[in-house]
C-alpha atoms as a PDB file:
ATOM      1  CA  UNK A   1     -20.017   2.552 -39.809  1.00  0.00           C
ATOM      2  CA  UNK A   2     -17.148   5.098 -38.573  1.00  0.00           C
ATOM      3  CA  UNK A   3     -20.440   7.448 -37.234  1.00  0.00           C
ATOM      4  CA  UNK A   4     -22.048   3.915 -35.374  1.00  0.00           C
ATOM      5  CA  UNK A   5     -18.281   2.532 -34.007  1.00  0.00           C
ATOM      6  CA  UNK A   6     -17.808   6.354 -32.809  1.00  0.00           C
ATOM      7  CA  UNK A   7     -21.233   5.904 -30.933  1.00  0.00           C
ATOM      8  CA  UNK A   8     -20.694   3.125 -29.403  1.00  0.00           C
ATOM      9  CA  UNK A   9     -16.821   4.132 -27.945  1.00  0.00           C
ATOM     10  CA  UNK A  10     -18.807   7.344 -27.058  1.00  0.00           C
ATOM     11  CA  UNK A  11     -21.407   5.183 -24.187  1.00  0.00           C
ATOM     12  CA  UNK A  12     -20.132   2.302 -23.615  1.00  0.00           C
ATOM     13  CA  UNK A  13     -16.436   3.853 -22.827  1.00  0.00           C
ATOM     14  CA  UNK A  14     -17.864   6.607 -20.091  1.00  0.00           C
ATOM     15  CA  UNK A  15     -19.948   3.719 -18.221  1.00  0.00           C
ATOM     16  CA  UNK A  16     -17.482   1.284 -17.767  1.00  0.00           C
ATOM     17  CA  UNK A  17     -15.251   4.397 -16.710  1.00  0.00           C
ATOM     18  CA  UNK A  18     -17.660   5.528 -14.162  1.00  0.00           C
ATOM     19  CA  UNK A  19     -18.206   1.432 -12.938  1.00  0.00           C
ATOM     20  CA  UNK A  20     -14.202   0.840 -12.390  1.00  0.00           C
ATOM     21  CA  UNK A  21     -14.645   3.862 -10.019  1.00  0.00           C
ATOM     22  CA  UNK A  22     -17.112   3.527  -8.033  1.00  0.00           C
ATOM     23  CA  UNK A  23     -16.986   5.034  -4.723  1.00  0.00           C
ATOM     24  CA  UNK A  24     -19.669   3.412  -1.822  1.00  0.00           C
ATOM     25  CA  UNK A  25     -19.747   7.283  -0.152  1.00  0.00           C
ATOM     26  CA  UNK A  26     -21.661   7.961  -2.857  1.00  0.00           C
ATOM     27  CA  UNK A  27     -24.671   5.799  -2.283  1.00  0.00           C
ATOM     28  CA  UNK A  28     -24.128   5.677   1.901  1.00  0.00           C
ATOM     29  CA  UNK A  29     -26.192   7.976   4.049  1.00  0.00           C
ATOM     30  CA  UNK A  30     -24.065  10.984   4.886  1.00  0.00           C
ATOM     31  CA  UNK A  31     -24.139  10.508   8.047  1.00  0.00           C
ATOM     32  CA  UNK A  32     -22.604   7.044   7.710  1.00  0.00           C
ATOM     33  CA  UNK A  33     -20.154   7.476   5.431  1.00  0.00           C
ATOM     34  CA  UNK A  34     -17.755   8.387   7.858  1.00  0.00           C
ATOM     35  CA  UNK A  35     -17.338   4.648   8.620  1.00  0.00           C
ATOM     36  CA  UNK A  36     -15.240   3.456   5.545  1.00  0.00           C
ATOM     37  CA  UNK A  37     -15.941  -0.003   4.200  1.00  0.00           C
ATOM     38  CA  UNK A  38     -12.643  -1.957   5.256  1.00  0.00           C
ATOM     39  CA  UNK A  39     -12.111   0.051   8.260  1.00  0.00           C
ATOM     40  CA  UNK A  40     -11.001  -2.017  11.086  1.00  0.00           C
ATOM     41  CA  UNK A  41     -13.765  -2.753  14.171  1.00  0.00           C
ATOM     42  CA  UNK A  42     -11.258  -0.767  16.664  1.00  0.00           C
ATOM     43  CA  UNK A  43     -11.036   2.545  14.142  1.00  0.00           C
ATOM     44  CA  UNK A  44     -14.934   1.956  13.875  1.00  0.00           C
ATOM     45  CA  UNK A  45     -15.047   2.316  18.232  1.00  0.00           C
ATOM     46  CA  UNK A  46     -13.442   4.999  17.673  1.00  0.00           C
ATOM     47  CA  UNK A  47     -15.444   6.685  15.667  1.00  0.00           C
ATOM     48  CA  UNK A  48     -19.011   5.424  16.773  1.00  0.00           C
ATOM     49  CA  UNK A  49     -18.866   5.478  20.521  1.00  0.00           C
ATOM     50  CA  UNK A  50     -23.138   5.059  20.214  1.00  0.00           C
ATOM     51  CA  UNK A  51     -22.485   1.238  18.400  1.00  0.00           C
ATOM     52  CA  UNK A  52     -22.940  -1.594  20.659  1.00  0.00           C
ATOM     53  CA  UNK A  53     -20.768  -4.146  19.970  1.00  0.00           C
ATOM     54  CA  UNK A  54     -22.304  -7.838  20.754  1.00  0.00           C
ATOM     55  CA  UNK A  55     -19.925 -10.527  22.368  1.00  0.00           C
ATOM     56  CA  UNK A  56     -18.256 -12.433  20.138  1.00  0.00           C
ATOM     57  CA  UNK A  57     -15.572 -15.140  20.038  1.00  0.00           C
ATOM     58  CA  UNK A  58     -12.626 -16.885  17.666  1.00  0.00           C
ATOM     59  CA  UNK A  59     -14.994 -19.155  16.210  1.00  0.00           C
ATOM     60  CA  UNK A  60     -18.065 -16.412  15.182  1.00  0.00           C
ATOM     61  CA  UNK A  61     -16.959 -15.397  11.206  1.00  0.00           C
ATOM     62  CA  UNK A  62     -18.479 -12.627  11.991  1.00  0.00           C
ATOM     63  CA  UNK A  63     -19.009  -9.410  14.457  1.00  0.00           C
ATOM     64  CA  UNK A  64     -22.060  -7.568  14.826  1.00  0.00           C
ATOM     65  CA  UNK A  65     -22.250  -3.760  15.907  1.00  0.00           C
ATOM     66  CA  UNK A  66     -25.438  -2.406  16.152  1.00  0.00           C
ATOM     67  CA  UNK A  67     -26.379   1.434  16.568  1.00  0.00           C
ATOM     68  CA  UNK A  68     -29.634   3.046  17.528  1.00  0.00           C
ATOM     69  CA  UNK A  69     -30.392   6.078  15.747  1.00  0.00           C
ATOM     70  CA  UNK A  70     -32.999   9.140  16.313  1.00  0.00           C
ATOM     71  CA  UNK A  71     -34.177  11.879  14.048  1.00  0.00           C
ATOM     72  CA  UNK A  72     -33.515  10.405  10.965  1.00  0.00           C
ATOM     73  CA  UNK A  73     -35.489   8.493   8.139  1.00  0.00           C
ATOM     74  CA  UNK A  74     -34.007   4.787   9.503  1.00  0.00           C
ATOM     75  CA  UNK A  75     -34.035   4.181  13.082  1.00  0.00           C
ATOM     76  CA  UNK A  76     -31.402   1.632  13.289  1.00  0.00           C
ATOM     77  CA  UNK A  77     -27.669   0.499  11.963  1.00  0.00           C
ATOM     78  CA  UNK A  78     -26.120  -2.893  11.539  1.00  0.00           C
ATOM     79  CA  UNK A  79     -22.596  -3.695  10.625  1.00  0.00           C
ATOM     80  CA  UNK A  80     -20.566  -6.457  10.175  1.00  0.00           C
ATOM     81  CA  UNK A  81     -17.184  -7.323  10.646  1.00  0.00           C
ATOM     82  CA  UNK A  82     -14.914  -9.783   9.519  1.00  0.00           C
ATOM     83  CA  UNK A  83     -13.449 -12.176  12.263  1.00  0.00           C
ATOM     84  CA  UNK A  84     -10.106 -12.371  10.967  1.00  0.00           C
ATOM     85  CA  UNK A  85      -6.679 -10.600  10.991  1.00  0.00           C
ATOM     86  CA  UNK A  86      -7.995  -6.534  11.162  1.00  0.00           C
ATOM     87  CA  UNK A  87     -12.000  -7.321  11.658  1.00  0.00           C
ATOM     88  CA  UNK A  88     -12.880  -4.945   8.301  1.00  0.00           C
ATOM     89  CA  UNK A  89     -16.273  -3.558   8.203  1.00  0.00           C
ATOM     90  CA  UNK A  90     -17.956  -5.108   4.929  1.00  0.00           C
ATOM     91  CA  UNK A  91     -21.858  -5.223   5.684  1.00  0.00           C
ATOM     92  CA  UNK A  92     -23.729  -2.209   6.663  1.00  0.00           C
ATOM     93  CA  UNK A  93     -27.685  -2.719   7.284  1.00  0.00           C
ATOM     94  CA  UNK A  94     -30.106   0.093   7.186  1.00  0.00           C
ATOM     95  CA  UNK A  95     -33.397  -0.414   9.156  1.00  0.00           C
ATOM     96  CA  UNK A  96     -35.672   2.647   7.907  1.00  0.00           C
ATOM     97  CA  UNK A  97     -38.619   3.721   9.648  1.00  0.00           C
ATOM     98  CA  UNK A  98     -41.183   3.184   6.898  1.00  0.00           C
ATOM     99  CA  UNK A  99     -40.746   1.248   3.447  1.00  0.00           C
ATOM    100  CA  UNK A 100     -41.588   4.407   1.491  1.00  0.00           C
ATOM    101  CA  UNK A 101     -38.472   6.081   2.920  1.00  0.00           C
ATOM    102  CA  UNK A 102     -36.193   3.501   1.991  1.00  0.00           C
ATOM    103  CA  UNK A 103     -37.874   3.751  -1.616  1.00  0.00           C
ATOM    104  CA  UNK A 104     -37.483   6.941  -1.691  1.00  0.00           C
ATOM    105  CA  UNK A 105     -34.104   6.788  -0.587  1.00  0.00           C
ATOM    106  CA  UNK A 106     -33.075   3.896  -3.265  1.00  0.00           C
ATOM    107  CA  UNK A 107     -34.369   6.041  -5.853  1.00  0.00           C
ATOM    108  CA  UNK A 108     -32.781   9.043  -5.525  1.00  0.00           C
ATOM    109  CA  UNK A 109     -28.993   7.656  -4.524  1.00  0.00           C
ATOM    110  CA  UNK A 110     -28.868   4.475  -5.909  1.00  0.00           C
ATOM    111  CA  UNK A 111     -31.415   4.710  -8.692  1.00  0.00           C
ATOM    112  CA  UNK A 112     -32.634   1.909 -10.947  1.00  0.00           C
ATOM    113  CA  UNK A 113     -31.035  -1.641  -9.957  1.00  0.00           C
ATOM    114  CA  UNK A 114     -28.592  -2.515 -12.350  1.00  0.00           C
ATOM    115  CA  UNK A 115     -28.537  -6.711 -11.555  1.00  0.00           C
ATOM    116  CA  UNK A 116     -31.798  -7.879 -11.702  1.00  0.00           C
ATOM    117  CA  UNK A 117     -33.891  -6.078  -8.769  1.00  0.00           C
ATOM    118  CA  UNK A 118     -30.431  -5.157  -7.094  1.00  0.00           C
ATOM    119  CA  UNK A 119     -27.643  -2.331  -7.644  1.00  0.00           C
ATOM    120  CA  UNK A 120     -23.892  -4.002  -8.436  1.00  0.00           C
ATOM    121  CA  UNK A 121     -20.066  -1.882  -9.230  1.00  0.00           C
ATOM    122  CA  UNK A 122     -17.166  -2.493  -8.822  1.00  0.00           C
ATOM    123  CA  UNK A 123     -14.683  -0.181  -6.957  1.00  0.00           C
ATOM    124  CA  UNK A 124     -11.631   1.554  -8.742  1.00  0.00           C
ATOM    125  CA  UNK A 125      -9.907  -1.220  -6.211  1.00  0.00           C
ATOM    126  CA  UNK A 126     -12.038  -4.144  -8.417  1.00  0.00           C
ATOM    127  CA  UNK A 127     -13.992  -5.381  -5.180  1.00  0.00           C
ATOM    128  CA  UNK A 128     -17.700  -5.901  -6.441  1.00  0.00           C
ATOM    129  CA  UNK A 129     -19.740  -3.491  -4.190  1.00  0.00           C
ATOM    130  CA  UNK A 130     -23.717  -4.565  -3.555  1.00  0.00           C
ATOM    131  CA  UNK A 131     -26.641  -3.124  -2.275  1.00  0.00           C
ATOM    132  CA  UNK A 132     -30.243  -4.743  -1.827  1.00  0.00           C
ATOM    133  CA  UNK A 133     -32.932  -4.503   0.114  1.00  0.00           C
ATOM    134  CA  UNK A 134     -35.665  -6.706   1.877  1.00  0.00           C
ATOM    135  CA  UNK A 135     -38.541  -5.406   3.880  1.00  0.00           C
ATOM    136  CA  UNK A 136     -37.720  -1.981   5.200  1.00  0.00           C
ATOM    137  CA  UNK A 137     -34.064  -2.745   5.169  1.00  0.00           C
ATOM    138  CA  UNK A 138     -30.839  -1.227   2.759  1.00  0.00           C
ATOM    139  CA  UNK A 139     -27.903  -3.503   3.029  1.00  0.00           C
ATOM    140  CA  UNK A 140     -24.815  -2.257   1.565  1.00  0.00           C
ATOM    141  CA  UNK A 141     -21.936  -4.724   1.106  1.00  0.00           C
ATOM    142  CA  UNK A 142     -18.093  -4.575   0.450  1.00  0.00           C
ATOM    143  CA  UNK A 143     -16.907  -8.003  -1.082  1.00  0.00           C
ATOM    144  CA  UNK A 144     -13.430  -8.186   0.517  1.00  0.00           C
ATOM    145  CA  UNK A 145     -11.008 -10.966   0.184  1.00  0.00           C
ATOM    146  CA  UNK A 146     -12.163 -13.720   2.893  1.00  0.00           C
ATOM    147  CA  UNK A 147     -15.488 -12.485   4.025  1.00  0.00           C
ATOM    148  CA  UNK A 148     -18.493 -13.632   3.913  1.00  0.00           C
ATOM    149  CA  UNK A 149     -19.558 -12.244   0.266  1.00  0.00           C
ATOM    150  CA  UNK A 150     -15.905 -12.070  -1.412  1.00  0.00           C
ATOM    151  CA  UNK A 151     -16.356 -13.250  -5.510  1.00  0.00           C
ATOM    152  CA  UNK A 152     -14.437 -15.700  -6.810  1.00  0.00           C
END
């Protein structure tokens, strides 16, 4: 009985600890990892001169920026920022050039989905980070408080 309990402890505890210390940069393409989830729109604009920010008003719930990328497995990236207080980055949508490229990326970086057909982790700060695909797009979301993806 002791060996059985020890085995369960050795398997479950490391998995739980790793899940609680997930870092989004580990699954985002390296070219995009410089854009931290939670960074402000102003900080993003300083780091990314190529992204075009769409016009917005204070009535919009989010702000969109889009970047066209050449010479990569993906051809465009859309960034969503919350339109409140410091305007944090909370969502990145990567448009891959083909379904095969996207599937290959997901297999190598995200591995097997762990939440149905999606991926879900918890950061060391206790915030849920999710990923899913649709068409040739891969979506990454940090469920920051007061954003559309906030989890209660």
